[in-house]
């Protein structure tokens, strides 16, 4: 299974269609994938497992989110003031 995930990540081009976010505005999709990435790495890190499958979420949010938002969210995470639940 990890081979298919690694292959998908390797062949990734752009964010695929997500039925949860059918509209043109992809702001919520961006934010949700950012949260999913950090939740995934936190959960797998707590179990001492390889967080490589989480890279899918990272690639999606990096293609959808403006870099300034990601920088701001990363800074908020470091400061402990991020408003989302991770």
PDB file of N, CA and C in Angstrom:
ATOM      1  N   UNK A   1       0.820  -1.191   0.000  1.00  0.00           N
ATOM      2  CA  UNK A   1       0.000   0.000   0.000  1.00  0.00           C
ATOM      3  C   UNK A   1       0.861   1.251   0.000  1.00  0.00           C
ATOM      4  N   UNK A   2       1.966   1.243   0.753  1.00  0.00           N
ATOM      5  CA  UNK A   2       2.819   2.422   0.797  1.00  0.00           C
ATOM      6  C   UNK A   2       3.436   2.710  -0.571  1.00  0.00           C
ATOM      7  N   UNK A   3       3.635   1.663  -1.382  1.00  0.00           N
ATOM      8  CA  UNK A   3       4.158   1.887  -2.726  1.00  0.00           C
ATOM      9  C   UNK A   3       3.186   2.701  -3.562  1.00  0.00           C
ATOM     10  N   UNK A   4       1.905   2.436  -3.439  1.00  0.00           N
ATOM     11  CA  UNK A   4       0.932   3.175  -4.218  1.00  0.00           C
ATOM     12  C   UNK A   4       0.832   4.614  -3.734  1.00  0.00           C
ATOM     13  N   UNK A   5       0.921   4.823  -2.427  1.00  0.00           N
ATOM     14  CA  UNK A   5       0.888   6.179  -1.896  1.00  0.00           C
ATOM     15  C   UNK A   5       2.111   6.946  -2.372  1.00  0.00           C
ATOM     16  N   UNK A   6       3.279   6.325  -2.266  1.00  0.00           N
ATOM     17  CA  UNK A   6       4.505   6.988  -2.715  1.00  0.00           C
ATOM     18  C   UNK A   6       4.440   7.282  -4.209  1.00  0.00           C
ATOM     19  N   UNK A   7       3.871   6.364  -4.967  1.00  0.00           N
ATOM     20  CA  UNK A   7       3.747   6.587  -6.406  1.00  0.00           C
ATOM     21  C   UNK A   7       2.780   7.725  -6.698  1.00  0.00           C
ATOM     22  N   UNK A   8       1.685   7.794  -5.959  1.00  0.00           N
ATOM     23  CA  UNK A   8       0.734   8.888  -6.150  1.00  0.00           C
ATOM     24  C   UNK A   8       1.381  10.226  -5.834  1.00  0.00           C
ATOM     25  N   UNK A   9       2.129  10.272  -4.745  1.00  0.00           N
ATOM     26  CA  UNK A   9       2.796  11.519  -4.374  1.00  0.00           C
ATOM     27  C   UNK A   9       3.816  11.902  -5.443  1.00  0.00           C
ATOM     28  N   UNK A  10       4.543  10.928  -5.928  1.00  0.00           N
ATOM     29  CA  UNK A  10       5.551  11.186  -6.953  1.00  0.00           C
ATOM     30  C   UNK A  10       4.922  11.721  -8.239  1.00  0.00           C
ATOM     31  N   UNK A  11       3.766  11.195  -8.626  1.00  0.00           N
ATOM     32  CA  UNK A  11       3.102  11.588  -9.868  1.00  0.00           C
ATOM     33  C   UNK A  11       2.135  12.749  -9.688  1.00  0.00           C
ATOM     34  N   UNK A  12       2.115  13.365  -8.525  1.00  0.00           N
ATOM     35  CA  UNK A  12       1.194  14.452  -8.224  1.00  0.00           C
ATOM     36  C   UNK A  12       1.451  15.649  -9.135  1.00  0.00           C
ATOM     37  N   UNK A  13       0.387  16.202  -9.678  1.00  0.00           N
ATOM     38  CA  UNK A  13       0.494  17.390 -10.530  1.00  0.00           C
ATOM     39  C   UNK A  13      -0.231  18.590  -9.927  1.00  0.00           C
ATOM     40  N   UNK A  14      -1.495  18.424  -9.584  1.00  0.00           N
ATOM     41  CA  UNK A  14      -2.278  19.486  -8.980  1.00  0.00           C
ATOM     42  C   UNK A  14      -3.348  18.858  -8.101  1.00  0.00           C
ATOM     43  N   UNK A  15      -4.000  19.662  -7.307  1.00  0.00           N
ATOM     44  CA  UNK A  15      -5.000  19.144  -6.383  1.00  0.00           C
ATOM     45  C   UNK A  15      -6.149  18.490  -7.143  1.00  0.00           C
ATOM     46  N   UNK A  16      -6.504  17.271  -6.765  1.00  0.00           N
ATOM     47  CA  UNK A  16      -7.616  16.596  -7.436  1.00  0.00           C
ATOM     48  C   UNK A  16      -8.953  17.155  -6.965  1.00  0.00           C
ATOM     49  N   UNK A  17     -10.020  16.810  -7.663  1.00  0.00           N
ATOM     50  CA  UNK A  17     -11.354  17.229  -7.266  1.00  0.00           C
ATOM     51  C   UNK A  17     -11.691  16.623  -5.916  1.00  0.00           C
ATOM     52  N   UNK A  18     -12.246  17.422  -5.037  1.00  0.00           N
ATOM     53  CA  UNK A  18     -12.693  16.961  -3.728  1.00  0.00           C
ATOM     54  C   UNK A  18     -14.171  17.293  -3.616  1.00  0.00           C
ATOM     55  N   UNK A  19     -15.010  16.284  -3.507  1.00  0.00           N
ATOM     56  CA  UNK A  19     -16.459  16.475  -3.493  1.00  0.00           C
ATOM     57  C   UNK A  19     -16.932  17.298  -2.293  1.00  0.00           C
ATOM     58  N   UNK A  20     -16.112  17.393  -1.257  1.00  0.00           N
ATOM     59  CA  UNK A  20     -16.498  18.210  -0.101  1.00  0.00           C
ATOM     60  C   UNK A  20     -16.462  19.693  -0.424  1.00  0.00           C
ATOM     61  N   UNK A  21     -15.715  20.055  -1.464  1.00  0.00           N
ATOM     62  CA  UNK A  21     -15.537  21.456  -1.834  1.00  0.00           C
ATOM     63  C   UNK A  21     -15.832  21.631  -3.331  1.00  0.00           C
ATOM     64  N   UNK A  22     -17.115  21.584  -3.729  1.00  0.00           N
ATOM     65  CA  UNK A  22     -17.449  21.604  -5.155  1.00  0.00           C
ATOM     66  C   UNK A  22     -17.392  22.984  -5.795  1.00  0.00           C
ATOM     67  N   UNK A  23     -17.310  24.028  -5.020  1.00  0.00           N
ATOM     68  CA  UNK A  23     -17.355  25.376  -5.576  1.00  0.00           C
ATOM     69  C   UNK A  23     -16.006  25.828  -6.111  1.00  0.00           C
ATOM     70  N   UNK A  24     -16.033  26.920  -6.818  1.00  0.00           N
ATOM     71  CA  UNK A  24     -14.814  27.465  -7.411  1.00  0.00           C
ATOM     72  C   UNK A  24     -13.864  27.967  -6.320  1.00  0.00           C
ATOM     73  N   UNK A  25     -14.399  28.584  -5.276  1.00  0.00           N
ATOM     74  CA  UNK A  25     -13.581  29.112  -4.194  1.00  0.00           C
ATOM     75  C   UNK A  25     -12.998  27.941  -3.401  1.00  0.00           C
ATOM     76  N   UNK A  26     -11.695  27.810  -3.418  1.00  0.00           N
ATOM     77  CA  UNK A  26     -11.020  26.680  -2.790  1.00  0.00           C
ATOM     78  C   UNK A  26     -10.358  27.035  -1.453  1.00  0.00           C
ATOM     79  N   UNK A  27     -10.779  28.118  -0.840  1.00  0.00           N
ATOM     80  CA  UNK A  27     -10.191  28.552   0.420  1.00  0.00           C
ATOM     81  C   UNK A  27     -10.358  27.493   1.511  1.00  0.00           C
ATOM     82  N   UNK A  28     -11.551  26.962   1.652  1.00  0.00           N
ATOM     83  CA  UNK A  28     -11.786  25.945   2.688  1.00  0.00           C
ATOM     84  C   UNK A  28     -11.003  24.668   2.389  1.00  0.00           C
ATOM     85  N   UNK A  29     -10.888  24.328   1.120  1.00  0.00           N
ATOM     86  CA  UNK A  29     -10.114  23.152   0.722  1.00  0.00           C
ATOM     87  C   UNK A  29      -8.653  23.337   1.128  1.00  0.00           C
ATOM     88  N   UNK A  30      -8.130  24.507   0.874  1.00  0.00           N
ATOM     89  CA  UNK A  30      -6.757  24.839   1.250  1.00  0.00           C
ATOM     90  C   UNK A  30      -6.562  24.661   2.759  1.00  0.00           C
ATOM     91  N   UNK A  31      -7.418  25.286   3.536  1.00  0.00           N
ATOM     92  CA  UNK A  31      -7.311  25.257   4.991  1.00  0.00           C
ATOM     93  C   UNK A  31      -7.472  23.839   5.526  1.00  0.00           C
ATOM     94  N   UNK A  32      -8.433  23.091   4.995  1.00  0.00           N
ATOM     95  CA  UNK A  32      -8.685  21.734   5.464  1.00  0.00           C
ATOM     96  C   UNK A  32      -7.492  20.823   5.200  1.00  0.00           C
ATOM     97  N   UNK A  33      -6.860  20.957   4.045  1.00  0.00           N
ATOM     98  CA  UNK A  33      -5.693  20.134   3.743  1.00  0.00           C
ATOM     99  C   UNK A  33      -4.508  20.520   4.613  1.00  0.00           C
ATOM    100  N   UNK A  34      -4.387  21.790   4.959  1.00  0.00           N
ATOM    101  CA  UNK A  34      -3.341  22.231   5.880  1.00  0.00           C
ATOM    102  C   UNK A  34      -3.548  21.571   7.247  1.00  0.00           C
ATOM    103  N   UNK A  35      -4.797  21.608   7.736  1.00  0.00           N
ATOM    104  CA  UNK A  35      -5.105  20.962   9.013  1.00  0.00           C
ATOM    105  C   UNK A  35      -4.865  19.459   8.937  1.00  0.00           C
ATOM    106  N   UNK A  36      -5.327  18.833   7.857  1.00  0.00           N
ATOM    107  CA  UNK A  36      -5.171  17.382   7.703  1.00  0.00           C
ATOM    108  C   UNK A  36      -3.697  16.975   7.699  1.00  0.00           C
ATOM    109  N   UNK A  37      -2.852  17.770   7.063  1.00  0.00           N
ATOM    110  CA  UNK A  37      -1.425  17.468   7.051  1.00  0.00           C
ATOM    111  C   UNK A  37      -0.858  17.465   8.467  1.00  0.00           C
ATOM    112  N   UNK A  38      -1.159  18.498   9.225  1.00  0.00           N
ATOM    113  CA  UNK A  38      -0.601  18.601  10.570  1.00  0.00           C
ATOM    114  C   UNK A  38      -1.217  17.572  11.519  1.00  0.00           C
ATOM    115  N   UNK A  39      -2.490  17.263  11.346  1.00  0.00           N
ATOM    116  CA  UNK A  39      -3.114  16.214  12.160  1.00  0.00           C
ATOM    117  C   UNK A  39      -2.489  14.860  11.856  1.00  0.00           C
ATOM    118  N   UNK A  40      -2.275  14.608  10.568  1.00  0.00           N
ATOM    119  CA  UNK A  40      -1.690  13.330  10.145  1.00  0.00           C
ATOM    120  C   UNK A  40      -0.279  13.163  10.711  1.00  0.00           C
ATOM    121  N   UNK A  41       0.559  14.181  10.582  1.00  0.00           N
ATOM    122  CA  UNK A  41       1.926  14.075  11.089  1.00  0.00           C
ATOM    123  C   UNK A  41       1.943  13.942  12.611  1.00  0.00           C
ATOM    124  N   UNK A  42       1.031  14.621  13.271  1.00  0.00           N
ATOM    125  CA  UNK A  42       0.950  14.518  14.733  1.00  0.00           C
ATOM    126  C   UNK A  42       0.523  13.119  15.149  1.00  0.00           C
ATOM    127  N   UNK A  43      -0.494  12.569  14.475  1.00  0.00           N
ATOM    128  CA  UNK A  43      -1.002  11.245  14.827  1.00  0.00           C
ATOM    129  C   UNK A  43       0.029  10.156  14.542  1.00  0.00           C
ATOM    130  N   UNK A  44       0.664  10.211  13.388  1.00  0.00           N
ATOM    131  CA  UNK A  44       1.657   9.198  13.058  1.00  0.00           C
ATOM    132  C   UNK A  44       2.919   9.354  13.898  1.00  0.00           C
ATOM    133  N   UNK A  45       3.264  10.585  14.238  1.00  0.00           N
ATOM    134  CA  UNK A  45       4.418  10.824  15.098  1.00  0.00           C
ATOM    135  C   UNK A  45       4.194  10.276  16.496  1.00  0.00           C
ATOM    136  N   UNK A  46       2.963  10.365  16.985  1.00  0.00           N
ATOM    137  CA  UNK A  46       2.650   9.835  18.313  1.00  0.00           C
ATOM    138  C   UNK A  46       2.748   8.316  18.344  1.00  0.00           C
ATOM    139  N   UNK A  47       2.537   7.684  17.190  1.00  0.00           N
ATOM    140  CA  UNK A  47       2.615   6.222  17.103  1.00  0.00           C
ATOM    141  C   UNK A  47       3.987   5.746  16.636  1.00  0.00           C
ATOM    142  N   UNK A  48       4.934   6.662  16.509  1.00  0.00           N
ATOM    143  CA  UNK A  48       6.282   6.363  16.014  1.00  0.00           C
ATOM    144  C   UNK A  48       6.251   5.689  14.649  1.00  0.00           C
ATOM    145  N   UNK A  49       5.365   6.178  13.777  1.00  0.00           N
ATOM    146  CA  UNK A  49       5.274   5.664  12.417  1.00  0.00           C
ATOM    147  C   UNK A  49       5.805   6.706  11.443  1.00  0.00           C
ATOM    148  N   UNK A  50       6.132   6.259  10.256  1.00  0.00           N
ATOM    149  CA  UNK A  50       6.651   7.140   9.218  1.00  0.00           C
ATOM    150  C   UNK A  50       5.548   8.074   8.720  1.00  0.00           C
ATOM    151  N   UNK A  51       5.769   9.392   8.754  1.00  0.00           N
ATOM    152  CA  UNK A  51       4.743  10.332   8.304  1.00  0.00           C
ATOM    153  C   UNK A  51       4.728  10.565   6.791  1.00  0.00           C
ATOM    154  N   UNK A  52       5.347   9.685   6.016  1.00  0.00           N
ATOM    155  CA  UNK A  52       5.401   9.872   4.562  1.00  0.00           C
ATOM    156  C   UNK A  52       4.028   9.964   3.901  1.00  0.00           C
ATOM    157  N   UNK A  53       3.017   9.194   4.328  1.00  0.00           N
ATOM    158  CA  UNK A  53       1.704   9.329   3.685  1.00  0.00           C
ATOM    159  C   UNK A  53       1.088  10.721   3.848  1.00  0.00           C
ATOM    160  N   UNK A  54       1.528  11.459   4.837  1.00  0.00           N
ATOM    161  CA  UNK A  54       0.991  12.794   5.083  1.00  0.00           C
ATOM    162  C   UNK A  54       1.436  13.801   4.017  1.00  0.00           C
ATOM    163  N   UNK A  55       2.455  13.453   3.269  1.00  0.00           N
ATOM    164  CA  UNK A  55       2.963  14.370   2.246  1.00  0.00           C
ATOM    165  C   UNK A  55       1.933  14.667   1.176  1.00  0.00           C
ATOM    166  N   UNK A  56       0.945  13.783   1.007  1.00  0.00           N
ATOM    167  CA  UNK A  56      -0.122  14.048   0.037  1.00  0.00           C
ATOM    168  C   UNK A  56      -0.848  15.345   0.405  1.00  0.00           C
ATOM    169  N   UNK A  57      -1.220  15.480   1.684  1.00  0.00           N
ATOM    170  CA  UNK A  57      -1.911  16.683   2.143  1.00  0.00           C
ATOM    171  C   UNK A  57      -1.032  17.915   1.969  1.00  0.00           C
ATOM    172  N   UNK A  58       0.249  17.765   2.237  1.00  0.00           N
ATOM    173  CA  UNK A  58       1.163  18.891   2.103  1.00  0.00           C
ATOM    174  C   UNK A  58       1.220  19.373   0.659  1.00  0.00           C
ATOM    175  N   UNK A  59       1.296  18.451  -0.269  1.00  0.00           N
ATOM    176  CA  UNK A  59       1.375  18.849  -1.671  1.00  0.00           C
ATOM    177  C   UNK A  59       0.085  19.502  -2.138  1.00  0.00           C
ATOM    178  N   UNK A  60      -1.052  19.027  -1.622  1.00  0.00           N
ATOM    179  CA  UNK A  60      -2.337  19.629  -2.007  1.00  0.00           C
ATOM    180  C   UNK A  60      -2.431  21.041  -1.454  1.00  0.00           C
ATOM    181  N   UNK A  61      -2.164  21.221  -0.158  1.00  0.00           N
ATOM    182  CA  UNK A  61      -2.311  22.578   0.376  1.00  0.00           C
ATOM    183  C   UNK A  61      -1.273  23.526  -0.202  1.00  0.00           C
ATOM    184  N   UNK A  62      -0.094  23.025  -0.539  1.00  0.00           N
ATOM    185  CA  UNK A  62       0.910  23.899  -1.135  1.00  0.00           C
ATOM    186  C   UNK A  62       0.511  24.355  -2.537  1.00  0.00           C
ATOM    187  N   UNK A  63      -0.271  23.535  -3.232  1.00  0.00           N
ATOM    188  CA  UNK A  63      -0.701  23.951  -4.567  1.00  0.00           C
ATOM    189  C   UNK A  63      -1.938  24.845  -4.508  1.00  0.00           C
ATOM    190  N   UNK A  64      -2.713  24.758  -3.430  1.00  0.00           N
ATOM    191  CA  UNK A  64      -3.941  25.551  -3.329  1.00  0.00           C
ATOM    192  C   UNK A  64      -3.766  26.854  -2.554  1.00  0.00           C
ATOM    193  N   UNK A  65      -2.944  26.848  -1.526  1.00  0.00           N
ATOM    194  CA  UNK A  65      -2.849  27.990  -0.610  1.00  0.00           C
ATOM    195  C   UNK A  65      -1.804  29.005  -1.063  1.00  0.00           C
ATOM    196  N   UNK A  66      -2.127  30.284  -0.890  1.00  0.00           N
ATOM    197  CA  UNK A  66      -1.096  31.307  -1.113  1.00  0.00           C
ATOM    198  C   UNK A  66       0.017  31.142  -0.078  1.00  0.00           C
ATOM    199  N   UNK A  67       1.224  31.343  -0.499  1.00  0.00           N
ATOM    200  CA  UNK A  67       2.390  31.148   0.373  1.00  0.00           C
ATOM    201  C   UNK A  67       2.314  32.031   1.625  1.00  0.00           C
ATOM    202  N   UNK A  68       1.767  33.228   1.500  1.00  0.00           N
ATOM    203  CA  UNK A  68       1.678  34.131   2.646  1.00  0.00           C
ATOM    204  C   UNK A  68       0.781  33.547   3.740  1.00  0.00           C
ATOM    205  N   UNK A  69      -0.283  32.849   3.358  1.00  0.00           N
ATOM    206  CA  UNK A  69      -1.155  32.220   4.351  1.00  0.00           C
ATOM    207  C   UNK A  69      -0.408  31.113   5.081  1.00  0.00           C
ATOM    208  N   UNK A  70       0.286  30.297   4.341  1.00  0.00           N
ATOM    209  CA  UNK A  70       1.010  29.173   4.940  1.00  0.00           C
ATOM    210  C   UNK A  70       2.081  29.692   5.895  1.00  0.00           C
ATOM    211  N   UNK A  71       2.800  30.729   5.484  1.00  0.00           N
ATOM    212  CA  UNK A  71       3.813  31.321   6.361  1.00  0.00           C
ATOM    213  C   UNK A  71       3.190  31.835   7.651  1.00  0.00           C
ATOM    214  N   UNK A  72       2.032  32.489   7.528  1.00  0.00           N
ATOM    215  CA  UNK A  72       1.352  33.024   8.708  1.00  0.00           C
ATOM    216  C   UNK A  72       0.893  31.885   9.617  1.00  0.00           C
ATOM    217  N   UNK A  73       0.305  30.838   9.037  1.00  0.00           N
ATOM    218  CA  UNK A  73      -0.165  29.703   9.833  1.00  0.00           C
ATOM    219  C   UNK A  73       0.993  28.981  10.500  1.00  0.00           C
ATOM    220  N   UNK A  74       2.116  28.830   9.791  1.00  0.00           N
ATOM    221  CA  UNK A  74       3.287  28.186  10.386  1.00  0.00           C
ATOM    222  C   UNK A  74       3.801  28.990  11.574  1.00  0.00           C
ATOM    223  N   UNK A  75       3.804  30.298  11.422  1.00  0.00           N
ATOM    224  CA  UNK A  75       4.255  31.173  12.505  1.00  0.00           C
ATOM    225  C   UNK A  75       3.308  31.063  13.703  1.00  0.00           C
ATOM    226  N   UNK A  76       2.008  31.012  13.422  1.00  0.00           N
ATOM    227  CA  UNK A  76       1.032  30.866  14.505  1.00  0.00           C
ATOM    228  C   UNK A  76       1.187  29.520  15.214  1.00  0.00           C
ATOM    229  N   UNK A  77       1.480  28.471  14.464  1.00  0.00           N
ATOM    230  CA  UNK A  77       1.712  27.159  15.078  1.00  0.00           C
ATOM    231  C   UNK A  77       2.915  27.201  16.016  1.00  0.00           C
ATOM    232  N   UNK A  78       3.976  27.861  15.596  1.00  0.00           N
ATOM    233  CA  UNK A  78       5.169  27.965  16.418  1.00  0.00           C
ATOM    234  C   UNK A  78       4.895  28.755  17.697  1.00  0.00           C
ATOM    235  N   UNK A  79       4.060  29.793  17.571  1.00  0.00           N
ATOM    236  CA  UNK A  79       3.754  30.644  18.727  1.00  0.00           C
ATOM    237  C   UNK A  79       2.659  30.078  19.619  1.00  0.00           C
ATOM    238  N   UNK A  80       1.980  29.030  19.148  1.00  0.00           N
ATOM    239  CA  UNK A  80       0.895  28.457  19.924  1.00  0.00           C
ATOM    240  C   UNK A  80      -0.398  29.225  19.815  1.00  0.00           C
ATOM    241  N   UNK A  81      -0.531  30.058  18.793  1.00  0.00           N
ATOM    242  CA  UNK A  81      -1.740  30.881  18.644  1.00  0.00           C
ATOM    243  C   UNK A  81      -2.560  30.511  17.412  1.00  0.00           C
ATOM    244  N   UNK A  82      -2.316  29.326  16.860  1.00  0.00           N
ATOM    245  CA  UNK A  82      -3.060  28.903  15.667  1.00  0.00           C
ATOM    246  C   UNK A  82      -4.497  28.600  16.060  1.00  0.00           C
ATOM    247  N   UNK A  83      -5.488  29.143  15.316  1.00  0.00           N
ATOM    248  CA  UNK A  83      -6.883  29.003  15.722  1.00  0.00           C
ATOM    249  C   UNK A  83      -7.511  27.640  15.437  1.00  0.00           C
ATOM    250  N   UNK A  84      -6.897  26.804  14.592  1.00  0.00           N
ATOM    251  CA  UNK A  84      -7.485  25.513  14.237  1.00  0.00           C
ATOM    252  C   UNK A  84      -7.158  24.426  15.247  1.00  0.00           C
ATOM    253  N   UNK A  85      -7.959  23.348  15.196  1.00  0.00           N
ATOM    254  CA  UNK A  85      -7.712  22.191  16.065  1.00  0.00           C
ATOM    255  C   UNK A  85      -6.822  21.200  15.358  1.00  0.00           C
ATOM    256  N   UNK A  86      -5.635  21.001  15.908  1.00  0.00           N
ATOM    257  CA  UNK A  86      -4.711  20.031  15.334  1.00  0.00           C
ATOM    258  C   UNK A  86      -4.461  18.944  16.352  1.00  0.00           C
TER     259      UNK A  86
END
